[in-house]
PDB file of all heavy atoms in Angstrom:
ATOM      1  N   ALA A   1     -28.390 -10.241 -21.544  1.00  0.00           N
ATOM      2  CA  ALA A   1     -28.064 -10.843 -22.889  1.00  0.00           C
ATOM      3  C   ALA A   1     -27.388  -9.782 -23.765  1.00  0.00           C
ATOM      4  O   ALA A   1     -27.688  -8.615 -23.803  1.00  0.00           O
ATOM      5  CB  ALA A   1     -29.369 -11.211 -23.575  1.00  0.00           C
ATOM      6  N   GLY A   2     -26.276 -10.241 -24.350  1.00  0.00           N
ATOM      7  CA  GLY A   2     -25.487  -9.371 -25.238  1.00  0.00           C
ATOM      8  C   GLY A   2     -24.516  -8.506 -24.549  1.00  0.00           C
ATOM      9  O   GLY A   2     -23.756  -7.735 -25.178  1.00  0.00           O
ATOM     10  N   ARG A   3     -24.429  -8.514 -23.191  1.00  0.00           N
ATOM     11  CA  ARG A   3     -23.565  -7.716 -22.457  1.00  0.00           C
ATOM     12  C   ARG A   3     -22.220  -8.366 -22.262  1.00  0.00           C
ATOM     13  O   ARG A   3     -22.032  -9.630 -22.335  1.00  0.00           O
ATOM     14  CB  ARG A   3     -24.142  -7.331 -21.083  1.00  0.00           C
ATOM     15  CG  ARG A   3     -25.538  -6.670 -21.115  1.00  0.00           C
ATOM     16  CD  ARG A   3     -25.359  -5.188 -21.631  1.00  0.00           C
ATOM     17  NE  ARG A   3     -24.518  -4.473 -20.732  1.00  0.00           N
ATOM     18  CZ  ARG A   3     -24.939  -3.877 -19.625  1.00  0.00           C
ATOM     19  NH1 ARG A   3     -26.146  -3.948 -19.169  1.00  0.00           N
ATOM     20  NH2 ARG A   3     -24.035  -3.192 -18.852  1.00  0.00           N
ATOM     21  N   THR A   4     -21.178  -7.597 -21.946  1.00  0.00           N
ATOM     22  CA  THR A   4     -19.884  -8.073 -21.629  1.00  0.00           C
ATOM     23  C   THR A   4     -19.387  -7.429 -20.281  1.00  0.00           C
ATOM     24  O   THR A   4     -19.463  -6.207 -20.151  1.00  0.00           O
ATOM     25  CB  THR A   4     -18.775  -7.698 -22.690  1.00  0.00           C
ATOM     26  OG1 THR A   4     -19.140  -8.485 -23.877  1.00  0.00           O
ATOM     27  CG2 THR A   4     -17.417  -8.232 -22.254  1.00  0.00           C
ATOM     28  N   TYR A   5     -19.119  -8.220 -19.337  1.00  0.00           N
ATOM     29  CA  TYR A   5     -18.704  -7.755 -17.979  1.00  0.00           C
ATOM     30  C   TYR A   5     -17.255  -8.214 -17.685  1.00  0.00           C
ATOM     31  O   TYR A   5     -16.844  -9.369 -17.971  1.00  0.00           O
ATOM     32  CB  TYR A   5     -19.585  -8.295 -16.893  1.00  0.00           C
ATOM     33  CG  TYR A   5     -21.053  -7.962 -17.084  1.00  0.00           C
ATOM     34  CD1 TYR A   5     -21.978  -8.798 -17.574  1.00  0.00           C
ATOM     35  CD2 TYR A   5     -21.448  -6.653 -16.772  1.00  0.00           C
ATOM     36  CE1 TYR A   5     -23.306  -8.448 -17.718  1.00  0.00           C
ATOM     37  CE2 TYR A   5     -22.754  -6.195 -16.890  1.00  0.00           C
ATOM     38  CZ  TYR A   5     -23.689  -7.154 -17.394  1.00  0.00           C
ATOM     39  OH  TYR A   5     -25.002  -6.727 -17.495  1.00  0.00           O
ATOM     40  N   GLU A   6     -16.486  -7.403 -17.044  1.00  0.00           N
ATOM     41  CA  GLU A   6     -15.145  -7.708 -16.582  1.00  0.00           C
ATOM     42  C   GLU A   6     -15.212  -7.796 -15.061  1.00  0.00           C
ATOM     43  O   GLU A   6     -15.579  -6.798 -14.459  1.00  0.00           O
ATOM     44  CB  GLU A   6     -14.083  -6.724 -16.986  1.00  0.00           C
ATOM     45  CG  GLU A   6     -13.818  -6.744 -18.538  1.00  0.00           C
ATOM     46  CD  GLU A   6     -12.578  -6.194 -19.010  1.00  0.00           C
ATOM     47  OE1 GLU A   6     -11.802  -5.651 -18.044  1.00  0.00           O
ATOM     48  OE2 GLU A   6     -12.244  -6.165 -20.134  1.00  0.00           O
ATOM     49  N   ILE A   7     -14.929  -8.929 -14.505  1.00  0.00           N
ATOM     50  CA  ILE A   7     -15.110  -9.134 -13.046  1.00  0.00           C
ATOM     51  C   ILE A   7     -13.787  -9.332 -12.378  1.00  0.00           C
ATOM     52  O   ILE A   7     -12.933 -10.238 -12.718  1.00  0.00           O
ATOM     53  CB  ILE A   7     -15.967 -10.456 -12.828  1.00  0.00           C
ATOM     54  CG1 ILE A   7     -17.270 -10.322 -13.671  1.00  0.00           C
ATOM     55  CG2 ILE A   7     -16.236 -10.679 -11.381  1.00  0.00           C
ATOM     56  CD1 ILE A   7     -18.110  -9.192 -13.317  1.00  0.00           C
ATOM     57  N   THR A   8     -13.531  -8.491 -11.344  1.00  0.00           N
ATOM     58  CA  THR A   8     -12.301  -8.480 -10.615  1.00  0.00           C
ATOM     59  C   THR A   8     -12.567  -8.405  -9.094  1.00  0.00           C
ATOM     60  O   THR A   8     -13.721  -8.110  -8.738  1.00  0.00           O
ATOM     61  CB  THR A   8     -11.334  -7.380 -10.983  1.00  0.00           C
ATOM     62  OG1 THR A   8     -11.873  -6.157 -10.383  1.00  0.00           O
ATOM     63  CG2 THR A   8     -11.163  -7.197 -12.482  1.00  0.00           C
ATOM     64  N   GLY A   9     -11.544  -8.572  -8.301  1.00  0.00           N
ATOM     65  CA  GLY A   9     -11.686  -8.247  -6.856  1.00  0.00           C
ATOM     66  C   GLY A   9     -11.615  -6.792  -6.694  1.00  0.00           C
ATOM     67  O   GLY A   9     -11.467  -5.979  -7.633  1.00  0.00           O
ATOM     68  N   PRO A  10     -11.608  -6.328  -5.472  1.00  0.00           N
ATOM     69  CA  PRO A  10     -11.708  -4.863  -5.157  1.00  0.00           C
ATOM     70  C   PRO A  10     -10.367  -4.161  -5.151  1.00  0.00           C
ATOM     71  O   PRO A  10     -10.334  -3.002  -5.065  1.00  0.00           O
ATOM     72  CB  PRO A  10     -12.314  -4.829  -3.774  1.00  0.00           C
ATOM     73  CG  PRO A  10     -11.890  -6.091  -3.154  1.00  0.00           C
ATOM     74  CD  PRO A  10     -11.815  -7.162  -4.167  1.00  0.00           C
ATOM     75  N   ARG A  11      -9.221  -4.928  -5.174  1.00  0.00           N
ATOM     76  CA  ARG A  11      -7.912  -4.272  -5.141  1.00  0.00           C
ATOM     77  C   ARG A  11      -6.892  -5.106  -5.836  1.00  0.00           C
ATOM     78  O   ARG A  11      -7.008  -6.373  -6.010  1.00  0.00           O
ATOM     79  CB  ARG A  11      -7.482  -3.921  -3.706  1.00  0.00           C
ATOM     80  CG  ARG A  11      -7.284  -5.208  -2.838  1.00  0.00           C
ATOM     81  CD  ARG A  11      -7.058  -4.819  -1.408  1.00  0.00           C
ATOM     82  NE  ARG A  11      -6.992  -6.011  -0.486  1.00  0.00           N
ATOM     83  CZ  ARG A  11      -5.883  -6.562  -0.015  1.00  0.00           C
ATOM     84  NH1 ARG A  11      -4.685  -5.980  -0.291  1.00  0.00           N
ATOM     85  NH2 ARG A  11      -5.910  -7.581   0.786  1.00  0.00           N
ATOM     86  N   VAL A  12      -5.850  -4.507  -6.222  1.00  0.00           N
ATOM     87  CA  VAL A  12      -4.762  -5.181  -6.905  1.00  0.00           C
ATOM     88  C   VAL A  12      -3.737  -5.739  -5.789  1.00  0.00           C
ATOM     89  O   VAL A  12      -3.385  -4.999  -4.928  1.00  0.00           O
ATOM     90  CB  VAL A  12      -3.969  -4.264  -7.802  1.00  0.00           C
ATOM     91  CG1 VAL A  12      -2.683  -4.982  -8.434  1.00  0.00           C
ATOM     92  CG2 VAL A  12      -4.922  -3.817  -8.943  1.00  0.00           C
ATOM     93  N   VAL A  13      -3.399  -7.003  -5.943  1.00  0.00           N
ATOM     94  CA  VAL A  13      -2.608  -7.657  -4.910  1.00  0.00           C
ATOM     95  C   VAL A  13      -1.462  -8.363  -5.607  1.00  0.00           C
ATOM     96  O   VAL A  13      -1.657  -9.074  -6.680  1.00  0.00           O
ATOM     97  CB  VAL A  13      -3.388  -8.748  -4.114  1.00  0.00           C
ATOM     98  CG1 VAL A  13      -2.550  -9.479  -3.176  1.00  0.00           C
ATOM     99  CG2 VAL A  13      -4.616  -8.124  -3.482  1.00  0.00           C
ATOM    100  N   THR A  14      -0.223  -8.194  -5.209  1.00  0.00           N
ATOM    101  CA  THR A  14       0.943  -8.950  -5.828  1.00  0.00           C
ATOM    102  C   THR A  14       0.889 -10.351  -5.285  1.00  0.00           C
ATOM    103  O   THR A  14       0.277 -10.675  -4.232  1.00  0.00           O
ATOM    104  CB  THR A  14       2.268  -8.323  -5.469  1.00  0.00           C
ATOM    105  OG1 THR A  14       2.471  -8.371  -4.064  1.00  0.00           O
ATOM    106  CG2 THR A  14       2.267  -6.792  -5.929  1.00  0.00           C
ATOM    107  N   PHE A  15       1.663 -11.243  -5.897  1.00  0.00           N
ATOM    108  CA  PHE A  15       1.741 -12.586  -5.401  1.00  0.00           C
ATOM    109  C   PHE A  15       2.475 -12.681  -4.006  1.00  0.00           C
ATOM    110  O   PHE A  15       2.137 -13.509  -3.153  1.00  0.00           O
ATOM    111  CB  PHE A  15       2.468 -13.507  -6.376  1.00  0.00           C
ATOM    112  CG  PHE A  15       1.503 -14.070  -7.419  1.00  0.00           C
ATOM    113  CD1 PHE A  15       1.035 -13.164  -8.384  1.00  0.00           C
ATOM    114  CD2 PHE A  15       1.145 -15.344  -7.449  1.00  0.00           C
ATOM    115  CE1 PHE A  15       0.145 -13.712  -9.362  1.00  0.00           C
ATOM    116  CE2 PHE A  15       0.316 -15.843  -8.367  1.00  0.00           C
ATOM    117  CZ  PHE A  15      -0.218 -15.072  -9.411  1.00  0.00           C
ATOM    118  N   ALA A  16       3.408 -11.785  -3.833  1.00  0.00           N
ATOM    119  CA  ALA A  16       4.071 -11.695  -2.521  1.00  0.00           C
ATOM    120  C   ALA A  16       3.061 -11.183  -1.406  1.00  0.00           C
ATOM    121  O   ALA A  16       3.091 -11.756  -0.337  1.00  0.00           O
ATOM    122  CB  ALA A  16       5.243 -10.725  -2.597  1.00  0.00           C
ATOM    123  N   GLU A  17       2.209 -10.264  -1.753  1.00  0.00           N
ATOM    124  CA  GLU A  17       1.148  -9.852  -0.788  1.00  0.00           C
ATOM    125  C   GLU A  17       0.081 -10.938  -0.571  1.00  0.00           C
ATOM    126  O   GLU A  17      -0.377 -11.094   0.517  1.00  0.00           O
ATOM    127  CB  GLU A  17       0.503  -8.596  -1.363  1.00  0.00           C
ATOM    128  CG  GLU A  17       1.403  -7.299  -1.301  1.00  0.00           C
ATOM    129  CD  GLU A  17       0.875  -6.156  -2.083  1.00  0.00           C
ATOM    130  OE1 GLU A  17      -0.034  -6.377  -2.959  1.00  0.00           O
ATOM    131  OE2 GLU A  17       1.350  -5.086  -1.815  1.00  0.00           O
ATOM    132  N   ALA A  18      -0.182 -11.724  -1.604  1.00  0.00           N
ATOM    133  CA  ALA A  18      -1.115 -12.819  -1.510  1.00  0.00           C
ATOM    134  C   ALA A  18      -0.516 -13.866  -0.501  1.00  0.00           C
ATOM    135  O   ALA A  18      -1.267 -14.382   0.336  1.00  0.00           O
ATOM    136  CB  ALA A  18      -1.427 -13.450  -2.844  1.00  0.00           C
ATOM    137  N   ALA A  19       0.732 -14.160  -0.639  1.00  0.00           N
ATOM    138  CA  ALA A  19       1.436 -15.114   0.194  1.00  0.00           C
ATOM    139  C   ALA A  19       1.353 -14.603   1.629  1.00  0.00           C
ATOM    140  O   ALA A  19       1.144 -15.407   2.625  1.00  0.00           O
ATOM    141  CB  ALA A  19       2.913 -15.326  -0.224  1.00  0.00           C
ATOM    142  N   ALA A  20       1.524 -13.282   1.859  1.00  0.00           N
ATOM    143  CA  ALA A  20       1.501 -12.708   3.242  1.00  0.00           C
ATOM    144  C   ALA A  20       0.115 -12.834   3.822  1.00  0.00           C
ATOM    145  O   ALA A  20       0.014 -13.143   5.022  1.00  0.00           O
ATOM    146  CB  ALA A  20       1.949 -11.264   3.161  1.00  0.00           C
ATOM    147  N   GLU A  21      -0.955 -12.611   2.972  1.00  0.00           N
ATOM    148  CA  GLU A  21      -2.301 -12.685   3.501  1.00  0.00           C
ATOM    149  C   GLU A  21      -2.617 -14.159   3.903  1.00  0.00           C
ATOM    150  O   GLU A  21      -3.272 -14.416   4.930  1.00  0.00           O
ATOM    151  CB  GLU A  21      -3.320 -12.268   2.385  1.00  0.00           C
ATOM    152  CG  GLU A  21      -3.222 -10.776   2.067  1.00  0.00           C
ATOM    153  CD  GLU A  21      -3.940  -9.882   3.043  1.00  0.00           C
ATOM    154  OE1 GLU A  21      -4.355 -10.413   4.168  1.00  0.00           O
ATOM    155  OE2 GLU A  21      -4.123  -8.700   2.708  1.00  0.00           O
ATOM    156  N   ILE A  22      -2.210 -15.085   3.070  1.00  0.00           N
ATOM    157  CA  ILE A  22      -2.395 -16.480   3.340  1.00  0.00           C
ATOM    158  C   ILE A  22      -1.628 -16.930   4.665  1.00  0.00           C
ATOM    159  O   ILE A  22      -2.150 -17.630   5.497  1.00  0.00           O
ATOM    160  CB  ILE A  22      -1.960 -17.392   2.221  1.00  0.00           C
ATOM    161  CG1 ILE A  22      -2.881 -17.089   1.028  1.00  0.00           C
ATOM    162  CG2 ILE A  22      -2.081 -18.893   2.616  1.00  0.00           C
ATOM    163  CD1 ILE A  22      -2.459 -17.766  -0.279  1.00  0.00           C
ATOM    164  N   SER A  23      -0.363 -16.347   4.806  1.00  0.00           N
ATOM    165  CA  SER A  23       0.421 -16.616   6.048  1.00  0.00           C
ATOM    166  C   SER A  23      -0.325 -16.150   7.265  1.00  0.00           C
ATOM    167  O   SER A  23      -0.355 -16.891   8.270  1.00  0.00           O
ATOM    168  CB  SER A  23       1.784 -15.938   5.959  1.00  0.00           C
ATOM    169  OG  SER A  23       2.540 -16.407   4.800  1.00  0.00           O
ATOM    170  N   ARG A  24      -0.864 -14.978   7.245  1.00  0.00           N
ATOM    171  CA  ARG A  24      -1.560 -14.435   8.419  1.00  0.00           C
ATOM    172  C   ARG A  24      -2.722 -15.310   8.711  1.00  0.00           C
ATOM    173  O   ARG A  24      -3.016 -15.512   9.908  1.00  0.00           O
ATOM    174  CB  ARG A  24      -2.004 -12.978   8.118  1.00  0.00           C
ATOM    175  CG  ARG A  24      -0.902 -11.923   8.328  1.00  0.00           C
ATOM    176  CD  ARG A  24      -1.391 -10.496   8.294  1.00  0.00           C
ATOM    177  NE  ARG A  24      -1.739 -10.149   6.956  1.00  0.00           N
ATOM    178  CZ  ARG A  24      -0.874  -9.589   6.083  1.00  0.00           C
ATOM    179  NH1 ARG A  24       0.378  -9.374   6.491  1.00  0.00           N
ATOM    180  NH2 ARG A  24      -1.316  -9.128   4.869  1.00  0.00           N
ATOM    181  N   ALA A  25      -3.534 -15.684   7.705  1.00  0.00           N
ATOM    182  CA  ALA A  25      -4.695 -16.500   7.939  1.00  0.00           C
ATOM    183  C   ALA A  25      -4.377 -17.889   8.445  1.00  0.00           C
ATOM    184  O   ALA A  25      -5.059 -18.404   9.324  1.00  0.00           O
ATOM    185  CB  ALA A  25      -5.493 -16.537   6.646  1.00  0.00           C
ATOM    186  N   ALA A  26      -3.341 -18.474   7.867  1.00  0.00           N
ATOM    187  CA  ALA A  26      -2.982 -19.848   8.225  1.00  0.00           C
ATOM    188  C   ALA A  26      -2.151 -19.978   9.446  1.00  0.00           C
ATOM    189  O   ALA A  26      -2.072 -20.998  10.059  1.00  0.00           O
ATOM    190  CB  ALA A  26      -2.209 -20.501   6.977  1.00  0.00           C
ATOM    191  N   GLY A  27      -1.574 -18.869   9.922  1.00  0.00           N
ATOM    192  CA  GLY A  27      -0.676 -18.894  11.037  1.00  0.00           C
ATOM    193  C   GLY A  27       0.618 -19.624  10.834  1.00  0.00           C
ATOM    194  O   GLY A  27       1.253 -20.099  11.800  1.00  0.00           O
ATOM    195  N   ARG A  28       1.104 -19.613   9.593  1.00  0.00           N
ATOM    196  CA  ARG A  28       2.440 -20.144   9.227  1.00  0.00           C
ATOM    197  C   ARG A  28       2.945 -19.491   8.011  1.00  0.00           C
ATOM    198  O   ARG A  28       2.249 -18.834   7.320  1.00  0.00           O
ATOM    199  CB  ARG A  28       2.343 -21.704   8.970  1.00  0.00           C
ATOM    200  CG  ARG A  28       1.479 -22.104   7.799  1.00  0.00           C
ATOM    201  CD  ARG A  28       1.318 -23.592   7.710  1.00  0.00           C
ATOM    202  NE  ARG A  28       0.413 -23.983   6.656  1.00  0.00           N
ATOM    203  CZ  ARG A  28       0.843 -24.238   5.347  1.00  0.00           C
ATOM    204  NH1 ARG A  28       2.160 -24.148   5.103  1.00  0.00           N
ATOM    205  NH2 ARG A  28       0.046 -24.619   4.442  1.00  0.00           N
ATOM    206  N   GLU A  29       4.224 -19.523   7.845  1.00  0.00           N
ATOM    207  CA  GLU A  29       4.891 -18.784   6.780  1.00  0.00           C
ATOM    208  C   GLU A  29       4.659 -19.432   5.482  1.00  0.00           C
ATOM    209  O   GLU A  29       4.955 -20.592   5.283  1.00  0.00           O
ATOM    210  CB  GLU A  29       6.369 -18.576   7.039  1.00  0.00           C
ATOM    211  CG  GLU A  29       7.051 -17.733   5.975  1.00  0.00           C
ATOM    212  CD  GLU A  29       8.524 -17.525   6.126  1.00  0.00           C
ATOM    213  OE1 GLU A  29       9.103 -18.269   6.988  1.00  0.00           O
ATOM    214  OE2 GLU A  29       9.121 -16.728   5.434  1.00  0.00           O
ATOM    215  N   ILE A  30       4.183 -18.627   4.512  1.00  0.00           N
ATOM    216  CA  ILE A  30       4.051 -19.036   3.056  1.00  0.00           C
ATOM    217  C   ILE A  30       4.956 -18.032   2.271  1.00  0.00           C
ATOM    218  O   ILE A  30       4.712 -16.831   2.413  1.00  0.00           O
ATOM    219  CB  ILE A  30       2.666 -18.925   2.519  1.00  0.00           C
ATOM    220  CG1 ILE A  30       1.712 -19.788   3.438  1.00  0.00           C
ATOM    221  CG2 ILE A  30       2.569 -19.421   1.116  1.00  0.00           C
ATOM    222  CD1 ILE A  30       2.028 -21.325   3.365  1.00  0.00           C
ATOM    223  N   ARG A  31       5.920 -18.476   1.624  1.00  0.00           N
ATOM    224  CA  ARG A  31       6.804 -17.606   0.849  1.00  0.00           C
ATOM    225  C   ARG A  31       6.495 -17.633  -0.641  1.00  0.00           C
ATOM    226  O   ARG A  31       6.180 -18.658  -1.170  1.00  0.00           O
ATOM    227  CB  ARG A  31       8.296 -18.083   0.952  1.00  0.00           C
ATOM    228  CG  ARG A  31       8.849 -18.107   2.424  1.00  0.00           C
ATOM    229  CD  ARG A  31      10.245 -18.471   2.476  1.00  0.00           C
ATOM    230  NE  ARG A  31      10.434 -19.839   1.877  1.00  0.00           N
ATOM    231  CZ  ARG A  31      11.334 -20.140   0.952  1.00  0.00           C
ATOM    232  NH1 ARG A  31      12.077 -19.157   0.387  1.00  0.00           N
ATOM    233  NH2 ARG A  31      11.463 -21.368   0.489  1.00  0.00           N
ATOM    234  N   TYR A  32       6.581 -16.457  -1.205  1.00  0.00           N
ATOM    235  CA  TYR A  32       6.394 -16.333  -2.712  1.00  0.00           C
ATOM    236  C   TYR A  32       7.775 -16.389  -3.262  1.00  0.00           C
ATOM    237  O   TYR A  32       8.701 -15.616  -2.898  1.00  0.00           O
ATOM    238  CB  TYR A  32       5.705 -15.056  -3.086  1.00  0.00           C
ATOM    239  CG  TYR A  32       5.848 -14.802  -4.547  1.00  0.00           C
ATOM    240  CD1 TYR A  32       5.308 -15.751  -5.450  1.00  0.00           C
ATOM    241  CD2 TYR A  32       6.364 -13.580  -5.047  1.00  0.00           C
ATOM    242  CE1 TYR A  32       5.418 -15.477  -6.861  1.00  0.00           C
ATOM    243  CE2 TYR A  32       6.486 -13.392  -6.340  1.00  0.00           C
ATOM    244  CZ  TYR A  32       6.007 -14.331  -7.305  1.00  0.00           C
ATOM    245  OH  TYR A  32       6.127 -14.105  -8.665  1.00  0.00           O
ATOM    246  N   ILE A  33       8.032 -17.295  -4.222  1.00  0.00           N
ATOM    247  CA  ILE A  33       9.282 -17.356  -4.890  1.00  0.00           C
ATOM    248  C   ILE A  33       9.094 -17.108  -6.398  1.00  0.00           C
ATOM    249  O   ILE A  33       8.484 -17.849  -7.141  1.00  0.00           O
ATOM    250  CB  ILE A  33       9.778 -18.841  -4.779  1.00  0.00           C
ATOM    251  CG1 ILE A  33       9.956 -19.268  -3.265  1.00  0.00           C
ATOM    252  CG2 ILE A  33      11.165 -19.007  -5.468  1.00  0.00           C
ATOM    253  CD1 ILE A  33      10.392 -20.627  -3.055  1.00  0.00           C
ATOM    254  N   PRO A  34       9.560 -15.873  -6.843  1.00  0.00           N
ATOM    255  CA  PRO A  34       9.409 -15.561  -8.260  1.00  0.00           C
ATOM    256  C   PRO A  34      10.423 -16.386  -9.069  1.00  0.00           C
ATOM    257  O   PRO A  34      11.612 -16.500  -8.741  1.00  0.00           O
ATOM    258  CB  PRO A  34       9.757 -14.026  -8.271  1.00  0.00           C
ATOM    259  CG  PRO A  34      10.570 -13.814  -7.082  1.00  0.00           C
ATOM    260  CD  PRO A  34      10.140 -14.796  -6.020  1.00  0.00           C
ATOM    261  N   VAL A  35       9.866 -16.994 -10.134  1.00  0.00           N
ATOM    262  CA  VAL A  35      10.757 -17.751 -11.010  1.00  0.00           C
ATOM    263  C   VAL A  35      10.649 -17.259 -12.357  1.00  0.00           C
ATOM    264  O   VAL A  35       9.632 -16.527 -12.785  1.00  0.00           O
ATOM    265  CB  VAL A  35      10.399 -19.279 -10.920  1.00  0.00           C
ATOM    266  CG1 VAL A  35      10.627 -19.891  -9.587  1.00  0.00           C
ATOM    267  CG2 VAL A  35       8.923 -19.501 -11.418  1.00  0.00           C
ATOM    268  N   SER A  36      11.565 -17.578 -13.215  1.00  0.00           N
ATOM    269  CA  SER A  36      11.540 -17.075 -14.620  1.00  0.00           C
ATOM    270  C   SER A  36      10.588 -17.978 -15.412  1.00  0.00           C
ATOM    271  O   SER A  36      10.193 -19.104 -14.945  1.00  0.00           O
ATOM    272  CB  SER A  36      12.885 -17.227 -15.230  1.00  0.00           C
ATOM    273  OG  SER A  36      13.339 -18.569 -15.360  1.00  0.00           O
ATOM    274  N   GLY A  37      10.256 -17.524 -16.606  1.00  0.00           N
ATOM    275  CA  GLY A  37       9.374 -18.354 -17.467  1.00  0.00           C
ATOM    276  C   GLY A  37       9.954 -19.660 -17.817  1.00  0.00           C
ATOM    277  O   GLY A  37       9.363 -20.791 -17.754  1.00  0.00           O
ATOM    278  N   ASP A  38      11.256 -19.642 -18.116  1.00  0.00           N
ATOM    279  CA  ASP A  38      11.982 -20.885 -18.420  1.00  0.00           C
ATOM    280  C   ASP A  38      12.012 -21.892 -17.289  1.00  0.00           C
ATOM    281  O   ASP A  38      11.861 -23.056 -17.464  1.00  0.00           O
ATOM    282  CB  ASP A  38      13.445 -20.595 -18.837  1.00  0.00           C
ATOM    283  CG  ASP A  38      13.543 -19.942 -20.189  1.00  0.00           C
ATOM    284  OD1 ASP A  38      12.490 -20.032 -20.940  1.00  0.00           O
ATOM    285  OD2 ASP A  38      14.569 -19.314 -20.502  1.00  0.00           O
ATOM    286  N   GLU A  39      12.205 -21.387 -16.056  1.00  0.00           N
ATOM    287  CA  GLU A  39      12.254 -22.207 -14.931  1.00  0.00           C
ATOM    288  C   GLU A  39      10.858 -22.841 -14.652  1.00  0.00           C
ATOM    289  O   GLU A  39      10.700 -23.999 -14.273  1.00  0.00           O
ATOM    290  CB  GLU A  39      12.662 -21.423 -13.623  1.00  0.00           C
ATOM    291  CG  GLU A  39      14.150 -21.039 -13.655  1.00  0.00           C
ATOM    292  CD  GLU A  39      14.498 -20.077 -12.498  1.00  0.00           C
ATOM    293  OE1 GLU A  39      13.603 -19.256 -12.201  1.00  0.00           O
ATOM    294  OE2 GLU A  39      15.621 -20.238 -11.920  1.00  0.00           O
ATOM    295  N   TYR A  40       9.827 -21.988 -14.861  1.00  0.00           N
ATOM    296  CA  TYR A  40       8.461 -22.520 -14.636  1.00  0.00           C
ATOM    297  C   TYR A  40       8.074 -23.492 -15.772  1.00  0.00           C
ATOM    298  O   TYR A  40       7.542 -24.592 -15.280  1.00  0.00           O
ATOM    299  CB  TYR A  40       7.472 -21.260 -14.744  1.00  0.00           C
ATOM    300  CG  TYR A  40       6.094 -21.635 -14.342  1.00  0.00           C
ATOM    301  CD1 TYR A  40       5.739 -21.939 -13.087  1.00  0.00           C
ATOM    302  CD2 TYR A  40       5.057 -21.774 -15.325  1.00  0.00           C
ATOM    303  CE1 TYR A  40       4.420 -22.282 -12.715  1.00  0.00           C
ATOM    304  CE2 TYR A  40       3.838 -22.097 -14.933  1.00  0.00           C
ATOM    305  CZ  TYR A  40       3.523 -22.443 -13.608  1.00  0.00           C
ATOM    306  OH  TYR A  40       2.246 -22.785 -13.287  1.00  0.00           O
ATOM    307  N   ARG A  41       8.460 -23.332 -16.969  1.00  0.00           N
ATOM    308  CA  ARG A  41       8.159 -24.247 -17.992  1.00  0.00           C
ATOM    309  C   ARG A  41       8.924 -25.598 -17.709  1.00  0.00           C
ATOM    310  O   ARG A  41       8.235 -26.656 -17.838  1.00  0.00           O
ATOM    311  CB  ARG A  41       8.615 -23.731 -19.329  1.00  0.00           C
ATOM    312  CG  ARG A  41       8.218 -24.708 -20.467  1.00  0.00           C
ATOM    313  CD  ARG A  41       8.660 -24.130 -21.852  1.00  0.00           C
ATOM    314  NE  ARG A  41      10.081 -24.061 -21.902  1.00  0.00           N
ATOM    315  CZ  ARG A  41      10.825 -22.937 -21.984  1.00  0.00           C
ATOM    316  NH1 ARG A  41      10.198 -21.718 -21.854  1.00  0.00           N
ATOM    317  NH2 ARG A  41      12.073 -22.974 -22.108  1.00  0.00           N
ATOM    318  N   ALA A  42      10.102 -25.538 -17.280  1.00  0.00           N
ATOM    319  CA  ALA A  42      10.888 -26.729 -16.979  1.00  0.00           C
ATOM    320  C   ALA A  42      10.192 -27.496 -15.873  1.00  0.00           C
ATOM    321  O   ALA A  42      10.178 -28.711 -15.860  1.00  0.00           O
ATOM    322  CB  ALA A  42      12.297 -26.365 -16.607  1.00  0.00           C
ATOM    323  N   GLY A  43       9.675 -26.753 -14.823  1.00  0.00           N
ATOM    324  CA  GLY A  43       9.002 -27.431 -13.733  1.00  0.00           C
ATOM    325  C   GLY A  43       7.741 -28.121 -14.158  1.00  0.00           C
ATOM    326  O   GLY A  43       7.413 -29.283 -13.755  1.00  0.00           O
TER     327      GLY A  43
END
């Protein structure tokens, strides 16, 4: 009670690295495509 906790995983992972981890697990290619804020908002 009254405490504040910050909860994270054990390491910092980029989205490209996350896509690579998922690719290895799934056995198929998953590509990370960085987009701009404007492109994302439009989508």
